[in-house]
PDB file of N, CA and C in Angstrom:
ATOM      1  N   MET A   1      10.570   3.737  -5.343  1.00  0.00           N
ATOM      2  CA  MET A   1      11.333   4.964  -5.322  1.00  0.00           C
ATOM      3  C   MET A   1      10.390   6.143  -5.526  1.00  0.00           C
ATOM      4  N   VAL A   2      10.590   7.198  -4.778  1.00  0.00           N
ATOM      5  CA  VAL A   2       9.767   8.393  -4.880  1.00  0.00           C
ATOM      6  C   VAL A   2      10.548   9.458  -5.654  1.00  0.00           C
ATOM      7  N   LYS A   3       9.895  10.027  -6.633  1.00  0.00           N
ATOM      8  CA  LYS A   3      10.512  11.087  -7.418  1.00  0.00           C
ATOM      9  C   LYS A   3       9.719  12.367  -7.193  1.00  0.00           C
ATOM     10  N   THR A   4      10.428  13.479  -7.128  1.00  0.00           N
ATOM     11  CA  THR A   4       9.790  14.774  -6.922  1.00  0.00           C
ATOM     12  C   THR A   4       9.942  15.605  -8.188  1.00  0.00           C
ATOM     13  N   MET A   5       8.871  16.285  -8.561  1.00  0.00           N
ATOM     14  CA  MET A   5       8.929  17.147  -9.746  1.00  0.00           C
ATOM     15  C   MET A   5       7.931  18.287  -9.610  1.00  0.00           C
ATOM     16  N   SER A   6       8.182  19.309 -10.379  1.00  0.00           N
ATOM     17  CA  SER A   6       7.309  20.479 -10.350  1.00  0.00           C
ATOM     18  C   SER A   6       5.991  20.169 -11.051  1.00  0.00           C
ATOM     19  N   LEU A   7       5.008  20.986 -10.788  1.00  0.00           N
ATOM     20  CA  LEU A   7       3.706  20.835 -11.429  1.00  0.00           C
ATOM     21  C   LEU A   7       3.845  20.958 -12.944  1.00  0.00           C
ATOM     22  N   LYS A   8       4.686  21.867 -13.390  1.00  0.00           N
ATOM     23  CA  LYS A   8       4.899  22.053 -14.832  1.00  0.00           C
ATOM     24  C   LYS A   8       5.467  20.771 -15.452  1.00  0.00           C
ATOM     25  N   GLN A   9       6.453  20.165 -14.791  1.00  0.00           N
ATOM     26  CA  GLN A   9       7.029  18.914 -15.301  1.00  0.00           C
ATOM     27  C   GLN A   9       5.982  17.805 -15.296  1.00  0.00           C
ATOM     28  N   ALA A  10       5.241  17.703 -14.211  1.00  0.00           N
ATOM     29  CA  ALA A  10       4.229  16.653 -14.091  1.00  0.00           C
ATOM     30  C   ALA A  10       3.144  16.813 -15.154  1.00  0.00           C
ATOM     31  N   ARG A  11       2.750  18.027 -15.401  1.00  0.00           N
ATOM     32  CA  ARG A  11       1.701  18.286 -16.386  1.00  0.00           C
ATOM     33  C   ARG A  11       2.140  17.798 -17.771  1.00  0.00           C
ATOM     34  N   SER A  12       3.386  18.068 -18.127  1.00  0.00           N
ATOM     35  CA  SER A  12       3.852  17.686 -19.465  1.00  0.00           C
ATOM     36  C   SER A  12       4.099  16.187 -19.587  1.00  0.00           C
ATOM     37  N   ARG A  13       4.224  15.475 -18.455  1.00  0.00           N
ATOM     38  CA  ARG A  13       4.514  14.030 -18.467  1.00  0.00           C
ATOM     39  C   ARG A  13       3.410  13.207 -17.816  1.00  0.00           C
ATOM     40  N   PHE A  14       2.242  13.778 -17.651  1.00  0.00           N
ATOM     41  CA  PHE A  14       1.234  13.138 -16.822  1.00  0.00           C
ATOM     42  C   PHE A  14       0.874  11.724 -17.280  1.00  0.00           C
ATOM     43  N   SER A  15       0.681  11.526 -18.551  1.00  0.00           N
ATOM     44  CA  SER A  15       0.332  10.190 -19.044  1.00  0.00           C
ATOM     45  C   SER A  15       1.417   9.178 -18.688  1.00  0.00           C
ATOM     46  N   SER A  16       2.660   9.576 -18.830  1.00  0.00           N
ATOM     47  CA  SER A  16       3.782   8.700 -18.484  1.00  0.00           C
ATOM     48  C   SER A  16       3.830   8.439 -16.979  1.00  0.00           C
ATOM     49  N   LEU A  17       3.551   9.461 -16.167  1.00  0.00           N
ATOM     50  CA  LEU A  17       3.547   9.292 -14.715  1.00  0.00           C
ATOM     51  C   LEU A  17       2.493   8.276 -14.294  1.00  0.00           C
ATOM     52  N   VAL A  18       1.318   8.404 -14.861  1.00  0.00           N
ATOM     53  CA  VAL A  18       0.232   7.487 -14.525  1.00  0.00           C
ATOM     54  C   VAL A  18       0.613   6.067 -14.926  1.00  0.00           C
ATOM     55  N   ASP A  19       1.199   5.909 -16.100  1.00  0.00           N
ATOM     56  CA  ASP A  19       1.615   4.589 -16.561  1.00  0.00           C
ATOM     57  C   ASP A  19       2.671   3.992 -15.637  1.00  0.00           C
ATOM     58  N   LYS A  20       3.665   4.789 -15.254  1.00  0.00           N
ATOM     59  CA  LYS A  20       4.726   4.293 -14.367  1.00  0.00           C
ATOM     60  C   LYS A  20       4.191   3.987 -12.967  1.00  0.00           C
ATOM     61  N   ALA A  21       3.276   4.814 -12.492  1.00  0.00           N
ATOM     62  CA  ALA A  21       2.680   4.569 -11.172  1.00  0.00           C
ATOM     63  C   ALA A  21       1.893   3.258 -11.185  1.00  0.00           C
ATOM     64  N   ASP A  22       1.210   3.012 -12.286  1.00  0.00           N
ATOM     65  CA  ASP A  22       0.401   1.790 -12.398  1.00  0.00           C
ATOM     66  C   ASP A  22       1.272   0.558 -12.623  1.00  0.00           C
ATOM     67  N   ARG A  23       2.107   0.572 -13.632  1.00  0.00           N
ATOM     68  CA  ARG A  23       2.863  -0.628 -14.013  1.00  0.00           C
ATOM     69  C   ARG A  23       4.080  -0.903 -13.149  1.00  0.00           C
ATOM     70  N   LEU A  24       4.763   0.170 -12.704  1.00  0.00           N
ATOM     71  CA  LEU A  24       6.030  -0.001 -11.993  1.00  0.00           C
ATOM     72  C   LEU A  24       5.963   0.355 -10.514  1.00  0.00           C
ATOM     73  N   SER A  25       4.777   0.725 -10.057  1.00  0.00           N
ATOM     74  CA  SER A  25       4.567   1.123  -8.652  1.00  0.00           C
ATOM     75  C   SER A  25       5.466   2.287  -8.236  1.00  0.00           C
ATOM     76  N   GLU A  26       5.764   3.161  -9.182  1.00  0.00           N
ATOM     77  CA  GLU A  26       6.550   4.352  -8.846  1.00  0.00           C
ATOM     78  C   GLU A  26       5.626   5.388  -8.207  1.00  0.00           C
ATOM     79  N   ARG A  27       6.216   6.254  -7.404  1.00  0.00           N
ATOM     80  CA  ARG A  27       5.473   7.320  -6.728  1.00  0.00           C
ATOM     81  C   ARG A  27       6.086   8.654  -7.109  1.00  0.00           C
ATOM     82  N   PHE A  28       5.233   9.646  -7.265  1.00  0.00           N
ATOM     83  CA  PHE A  28       5.692  10.972  -7.662  1.00  0.00           C
ATOM     84  C   PHE A  28       5.093  12.025  -6.749  1.00  0.00           C
ATOM     85  N   ILE A  29       5.939  12.873  -6.198  1.00  0.00           N
ATOM     86  CA  ILE A  29       5.490  14.022  -5.418  1.00  0.00           C
ATOM     87  C   ILE A  29       5.518  15.215  -6.356  1.00  0.00           C
ATOM     88  N   VAL A  30       4.400  15.900  -6.437  1.00  0.00           N
ATOM     89  CA  VAL A  30       4.282  17.059  -7.319  1.00  0.00           C
ATOM     90  C   VAL A  30       4.318  18.320  -6.458  1.00  0.00           C
ATOM     91  N   THR A  31       5.223  19.233  -6.831  1.00  0.00           N
ATOM     92  CA  THR A  31       5.378  20.462  -6.058  1.00  0.00           C
ATOM     93  C   THR A  31       4.851  21.672  -6.835  1.00  0.00           C
ATOM     94  N   LYS A  32       4.458  22.674  -6.081  1.00  0.00           N
ATOM     95  CA  LYS A  32       4.055  23.955  -6.660  1.00  0.00           C
ATOM     96  C   LYS A  32       4.822  25.017  -5.896  1.00  0.00           C
ATOM     97  N   ASN A  33       5.605  25.779  -6.609  1.00  0.00           N
ATOM     98  CA  ASN A  33       6.480  26.782  -5.988  1.00  0.00           C
ATOM     99  C   ASN A  33       7.384  26.140  -4.930  1.00  0.00           C
ATOM    100  N   GLY A  34       7.832  24.919  -5.214  1.00  0.00           N
ATOM    101  CA  GLY A  34       8.756  24.230  -4.318  1.00  0.00           C
ATOM    102  C   GLY A  34       8.127  23.521  -3.133  1.00  0.00           C
ATOM    103  N   THR A  35       6.809  23.625  -2.991  1.00  0.00           N
ATOM    104  CA  THR A  35       6.108  23.004  -1.872  1.00  0.00           C
ATOM    105  C   THR A  35       5.329  21.784  -2.346  1.00  0.00           C
ATOM    106  N   PRO A  36       5.488  20.633  -1.690  1.00  0.00           N
ATOM    107  CA  PRO A  36       4.718  19.453  -2.089  1.00  0.00           C
ATOM    108  C   PRO A  36       3.214  19.716  -2.000  1.00  0.00           C
ATOM    109  N   LYS A  37       2.501  19.392  -3.082  1.00  0.00           N
ATOM    110  CA  LYS A  37       1.061  19.649  -3.128  1.00  0.00           C
ATOM    111  C   LYS A  37       0.231  18.416  -3.441  1.00  0.00           C
ATOM    112  N   ALA A  38       0.825  17.412  -4.114  1.00  0.00           N
ATOM    113  CA  ALA A  38       0.066  16.218  -4.494  1.00  0.00           C
ATOM    114  C   ALA A  38       1.023  15.055  -4.673  1.00  0.00           C
ATOM    115  N   VAL A  39       0.433  13.859  -4.682  1.00  0.00           N
ATOM    116  CA  VAL A  39       1.197  12.635  -4.900  1.00  0.00           C
ATOM    117  C   VAL A  39       0.476  11.823  -5.966  1.00  0.00           C
ATOM    118  N   VAL A  40       1.244  11.258  -6.886  1.00  0.00           N
ATOM    119  CA  VAL A  40       0.692  10.363  -7.893  1.00  0.00           C
ATOM    120  C   VAL A  40       1.158   8.951  -7.554  1.00  0.00           C
ATOM    121  N   ILE A  41       0.184   8.068  -7.294  1.00  0.00           N
ATOM    122  CA  ILE A  41       0.475   6.649  -7.044  1.00  0.00           C
ATOM    123  C   ILE A  41      -0.531   5.832  -7.834  1.00  0.00           C
ATOM    124  N   GLY A  42      -0.235   4.567  -8.033  1.00  0.00           N
ATOM    125  CA  GLY A  42      -1.150   3.689  -8.750  1.00  0.00           C
ATOM    126  C   GLY A  42      -2.408   3.409  -7.953  1.00  0.00           C
ATOM    127  N   ALA A  43      -3.475   3.107  -8.653  1.00  0.00           N
ATOM    128  CA  ALA A  43      -4.762   2.844  -8.002  1.00  0.00           C
ATOM    129  C   ALA A  43      -4.697   1.625  -7.085  1.00  0.00           C
ATOM    130  N   ASP A  44      -3.984   0.578  -7.501  1.00  0.00           N
ATOM    131  CA  ASP A  44      -3.879  -0.617  -6.652  1.00  0.00           C
ATOM    132  C   ASP A  44      -3.168  -0.300  -5.345  1.00  0.00           C
ATOM    133  N   GLU A  45      -2.102   0.504  -5.432  1.00  0.00           N
ATOM    134  CA  GLU A  45      -1.383   0.873  -4.210  1.00  0.00           C
ATOM    135  C   GLU A  45      -2.260   1.730  -3.311  1.00  0.00           C
ATOM    136  N   TYR A  46      -2.996   2.661  -3.906  1.00  0.00           N
ATOM    137  CA  TYR A  46      -3.905   3.506  -3.137  1.00  0.00           C
ATOM    138  C   TYR A  46      -4.938   2.653  -2.398  1.00  0.00           C
ATOM    139  N   GLU A  47      -5.566   1.712  -3.110  1.00  0.00           N
ATOM    140  CA  GLU A  47      -6.565   0.841  -2.482  1.00  0.00           C
ATOM    141  C   GLU A  47      -5.956   0.035  -1.342  1.00  0.00           C
ATOM    142  N   SER A  48      -4.725  -0.422  -1.531  1.00  0.00           N
ATOM    143  CA  SER A  48      -4.038  -1.170  -0.481  1.00  0.00           C
ATOM    144  C   SER A  48      -3.831  -0.304   0.752  1.00  0.00           C
ATOM    145  N   TRP A  49      -3.433   0.947   0.543  1.00  0.00           N
ATOM    146  CA  TRP A  49      -3.229   1.866   1.669  1.00  0.00           C
ATOM    147  C   TRP A  49      -4.544   2.116   2.400  1.00  0.00           C
ATOM    148  N   VAL A  50      -5.615   2.324   1.648  1.00  0.00           N
ATOM    149  CA  VAL A  50      -6.922   2.588   2.253  1.00  0.00           C
ATOM    150  C   VAL A  50      -7.370   1.389   3.088  1.00  0.00           C
ATOM    151  N   GLU A  51      -7.223   0.185   2.535  1.00  0.00           N
ATOM    152  CA  GLU A  51      -7.602  -1.021   3.280  1.00  0.00           C
ATOM    153  C   GLU A  51      -6.787  -1.160   4.559  1.00  0.00           C
ATOM    154  N   THR A  52      -5.492  -0.879   4.469  1.00  0.00           N
ATOM    155  CA  THR A  52      -4.622  -0.967   5.647  1.00  0.00           C
ATOM    156  C   THR A  52      -5.043   0.049   6.702  1.00  0.00           C
ATOM    157  N   LEU A  53      -5.308   1.276   6.282  1.00  0.00           N
ATOM    158  CA  LEU A  53      -5.730   2.310   7.234  1.00  0.00           C
ATOM    159  C   LEU A  53      -7.060   1.957   7.891  1.00  0.00           C
ATOM    160  N   GLU A  54      -7.983   1.407   7.105  1.00  0.00           N
ATOM    161  CA  GLU A  54      -9.266   1.005   7.676  1.00  0.00           C
ATOM    162  C   GLU A  54      -9.076  -0.114   8.699  1.00  0.00           C
ATOM    163  N   LEU A  55      -8.239  -1.067   8.371  1.00  0.00           N
ATOM    164  CA  LEU A  55      -7.968  -2.172   9.289  1.00  0.00           C
ATOM    165  C   LEU A  55      -7.323  -1.666  10.572  1.00  0.00           C
ATOM    166  N   LEU A  56      -6.312  -0.809  10.438  1.00  0.00           N
ATOM    167  CA  LEU A  56      -5.587  -0.321  11.611  1.00  0.00           C
ATOM    168  C   LEU A  56      -6.377   0.693  12.438  1.00  0.00           C
ATOM    169  N   SER A  57      -7.464   1.202  11.872  1.00  0.00           N
ATOM    170  CA  SER A  57      -8.303   2.128  12.642  1.00  0.00           C
ATOM    171  C   SER A  57      -9.363   1.387  13.456  1.00  0.00           C
ATOM    172  N   ASN A  58      -9.408   0.070  13.316  1.00  0.00           N
ATOM    173  CA  ASN A  58     -10.366  -0.753  14.041  1.00  0.00           C
ATOM    174  C   ASN A  58      -9.630  -1.440  15.193  1.00  0.00           C
ATOM    175  N   PRO A  59      -9.854  -1.004  16.437  1.00  0.00           N
ATOM    176  CA  PRO A  59      -9.124  -1.572  17.574  1.00  0.00           C
ATOM    177  C   PRO A  59      -9.271  -3.094  17.711  1.00  0.00           C
ATOM    178  N   LYS A  60     -10.454  -3.635  17.398  1.00  0.00           N
ATOM    179  CA  LYS A  60     -10.643  -5.090  17.492  1.00  0.00           C
ATOM    180  C   LYS A  60      -9.783  -5.819  16.465  1.00  0.00           C
ATOM    181  N   ALA A  61      -9.695  -5.264  15.267  1.00  0.00           N
ATOM    182  CA  ALA A  61      -8.876  -5.890  14.225  1.00  0.00           C
ATOM    183  C   ALA A  61      -7.397  -5.849  14.595  1.00  0.00           C
ATOM    184  N   VAL A  62      -6.960  -4.717  15.147  1.00  0.00           N
ATOM    185  CA  VAL A  62      -5.555  -4.592  15.560  1.00  0.00           C
ATOM    186  C   VAL A  62      -5.244  -5.607  16.651  1.00  0.00           C
ATOM    187  N   LYS A  63      -6.148  -5.737  17.595  1.00  0.00           N
ATOM    188  CA  LYS A  63      -5.938  -6.697  18.685  1.00  0.00           C
ATOM    189  C   LYS A  63      -5.872  -8.125  18.138  1.00  0.00           C
ATOM    190  N   ALA A  64      -6.745  -8.450  17.188  1.00  0.00           N
ATOM    191  CA  ALA A  64      -6.738  -9.784  16.586  1.00  0.00           C
ATOM    192  C   ALA A  64      -5.445 -10.035  15.817  1.00  0.00           C
ATOM    193  N   LEU A  65      -4.960  -9.022  15.099  1.00  0.00           N
ATOM    194  CA  LEU A  65      -3.688  -9.158  14.380  1.00  0.00           C
ATOM    195  C   LEU A  65      -2.530  -9.373  15.345  1.00  0.00           C
ATOM    196  N   GLN A  66      -2.511  -8.605  16.412  1.00  0.00           N
ATOM    197  CA  GLN A  66      -1.446  -8.751  17.407  1.00  0.00           C
ATOM    198  C   GLN A  66      -1.476 -10.141  18.038  1.00  0.00           C
ATOM    199  N   GLN A  67      -2.673 -10.628  18.337  1.00  0.00           N
ATOM    200  CA  GLN A  67      -2.805 -11.966  18.925  1.00  0.00           C
ATOM    201  C   GLN A  67      -2.353 -13.034  17.934  1.00  0.00           C
ATOM    202  N   GLY A  68      -2.709 -12.848  16.677  1.00  0.00           N
ATOM    203  CA  GLY A  68      -2.295 -13.804  15.651  1.00  0.00           C
ATOM    204  C   GLY A  68      -0.782 -13.861  15.499  1.00  0.00           C
ATOM    205  N   LEU A  69      -0.143 -12.705  15.527  1.00  0.00           N
ATOM    206  CA  LEU A  69       1.321 -12.669  15.445  1.00  0.00           C
ATOM    207  C   LEU A  69       1.951 -13.346  16.662  1.00  0.00           C
ATOM    208  N   LYS A  70       1.379 -13.067  17.825  1.00  0.00           N
ATOM    209  CA  LYS A  70       1.890 -13.684  19.052  1.00  0.00           C
ATOM    210  C   LYS A  70       1.740 -15.207  18.987  1.00  0.00           C
ATOM    211  N   ASP A  71       0.595 -15.674  18.539  1.00  0.00           N
ATOM    212  CA  ASP A  71       0.359 -17.109  18.410  1.00  0.00           C
ATOM    213  C   ASP A  71       1.333 -17.738  17.416  1.00  0.00           C
ATOM    214  N   ALA A  72       1.534 -17.087  16.290  1.00  0.00           N
ATOM    215  CA  ALA A  72       2.437 -17.624  15.265  1.00  0.00           C
ATOM    216  C   ALA A  72       3.865 -17.718  15.793  1.00  0.00           C
ATOM    217  N   LYS A  73       4.305 -16.694  16.503  1.00  0.00           N
ATOM    218  CA  LYS A  73       5.651 -16.724  17.079  1.00  0.00           C
ATOM    219  C   LYS A  73       5.782 -17.826  18.119  1.00  0.00           C
ATOM    220  N   GLY A  74       4.692 -18.125  18.805  1.00  0.00           N
ATOM    221  CA  GLY A  74       4.693 -19.174  19.822  1.00  0.00           C
ATOM    222  C   GLY A  74       4.432 -20.558  19.259  1.00  0.00           C
ATOM    223  N   GLY A  75       4.340 -20.655  17.943  1.00  0.00           N
ATOM    224  CA  GLY A  75       4.124 -21.959  17.315  1.00  0.00           C
ATOM    225  C   GLY A  75       2.685 -22.422  17.318  1.00  0.00           C
ATOM    226  N   LYS A  76       1.769 -21.537  17.680  1.00  0.00           N
ATOM    227  CA  LYS A  76       0.346 -21.900  17.722  1.00  0.00           C
ATOM    228  C   LYS A  76      -0.316 -21.561  16.380  1.00  0.00           C
ATOM    229  N   PHE A  77      -0.201 -22.475  15.450  1.00  0.00           N
ATOM    230  CA  PHE A  77      -0.869 -22.275  14.173  1.00  0.00           C
ATOM    231  C   PHE A  77      -1.136 -23.628  13.538  1.00  0.00           C
ATOM    232  N   ARG A  78      -2.020 -23.637  12.538  1.00  0.00           N
ATOM    233  CA  ARG A  78      -2.344 -24.866  11.822  1.00  0.00           C
ATOM    234  C   ARG A  78      -2.070 -24.644  10.344  1.00  0.00           C
ATOM    235  N   SER A  79      -1.721 -25.700   9.667  1.00  0.00           N
ATOM    236  CA  SER A  79      -1.421 -25.609   8.244  1.00  0.00           C
ATOM    237  C   SER A  79      -2.705 -25.447   7.438  1.00  0.00           C
ATOM    238  N   PHE A  80      -2.538 -25.015   6.210  1.00  0.00           N
ATOM    239  CA  PHE A  80      -3.665 -24.898   5.285  1.00  0.00           C
ATOM    240  C   PHE A  80      -4.364 -26.246   5.152  1.00  0.00           C
ATOM    241  N   LYS A  81      -3.566 -27.292   5.025  1.00  0.00           N
ATOM    242  CA  LYS A  81      -4.110 -28.640   4.864  1.00  0.00           C
ATOM    243  C   LYS A  81      -4.915 -29.073   6.089  1.00  0.00           C
ATOM    244  N   ASP A  82      -4.406 -28.727   7.287  1.00  0.00           N
ATOM    245  CA  ASP A  82      -5.132 -29.065   8.517  1.00  0.00           C
ATOM    246  C   ASP A  82      -6.494 -28.374   8.564  1.00  0.00           C
ATOM    247  N   VAL A  83      -6.539 -27.147   8.112  1.00  0.00           N
ATOM    248  CA  VAL A  83      -7.784 -26.374   8.184  1.00  0.00           C
ATOM    249  C   VAL A  83      -8.753 -26.756   7.078  1.00  0.00           C
ATOM    250  N   PHE A  84      -8.240 -26.882   5.830  1.00  0.00           N
ATOM    251  CA  PHE A  84      -9.120 -27.084   4.685  1.00  0.00           C
ATOM    252  C   PHE A  84      -9.101 -28.494   4.119  1.00  0.00           C
ATOM    253  N   GLY A  85      -8.225 -29.370   4.645  1.00  0.00           N
ATOM    254  CA  GLY A  85      -8.190 -30.747   4.208  1.00  0.00           C
ATOM    255  C   GLY A  85      -7.530 -30.993   2.869  1.00  0.00           C
ATOM    256  N   GLU A  86      -6.832 -29.986   2.361  1.00  0.00           N
ATOM    257  CA  GLU A  86      -6.151 -30.146   1.067  1.00  0.00           C
ATOM    258  C   GLU A  86      -4.942 -29.210   1.015  1.00  0.00           C
ATOM    259  N   ASP A  87      -4.031 -29.526   0.095  1.00  0.00           N
ATOM    260  CA  ASP A  87      -2.877 -28.646  -0.100  1.00  0.00           C
ATOM    261  C   ASP A  87      -3.296 -27.393  -0.851  1.00  0.00           C
ATOM    262  N   GLN A  88      -2.500 -26.363  -0.723  1.00  0.00           N
ATOM    263  CA  GLN A  88      -2.823 -25.101  -1.401  1.00  0.00           C
ATOM    264  C   GLN A  88      -2.798 -25.242  -2.881  1.00  0.00           C
TER     265      GLN A  88
END
């Protein structure tokens, strides 16, 4: 869930915002004079977004992902055990 609050509100609750963003994956949009100016999200979520953007900005990776999805839908896949010789 995304919550919006003024810079003044965010400033007075910043420690709590950081804790909620980290532990509960909450997101906060911080406004100044009614205009969105910043977003507070947890570091793990931020890293996940960065990794996703890097992956999706690589045309070869996107093509490989699309092919993998197509193969999976067509039943062309092998189990973990088939590949590694053991159960997960």
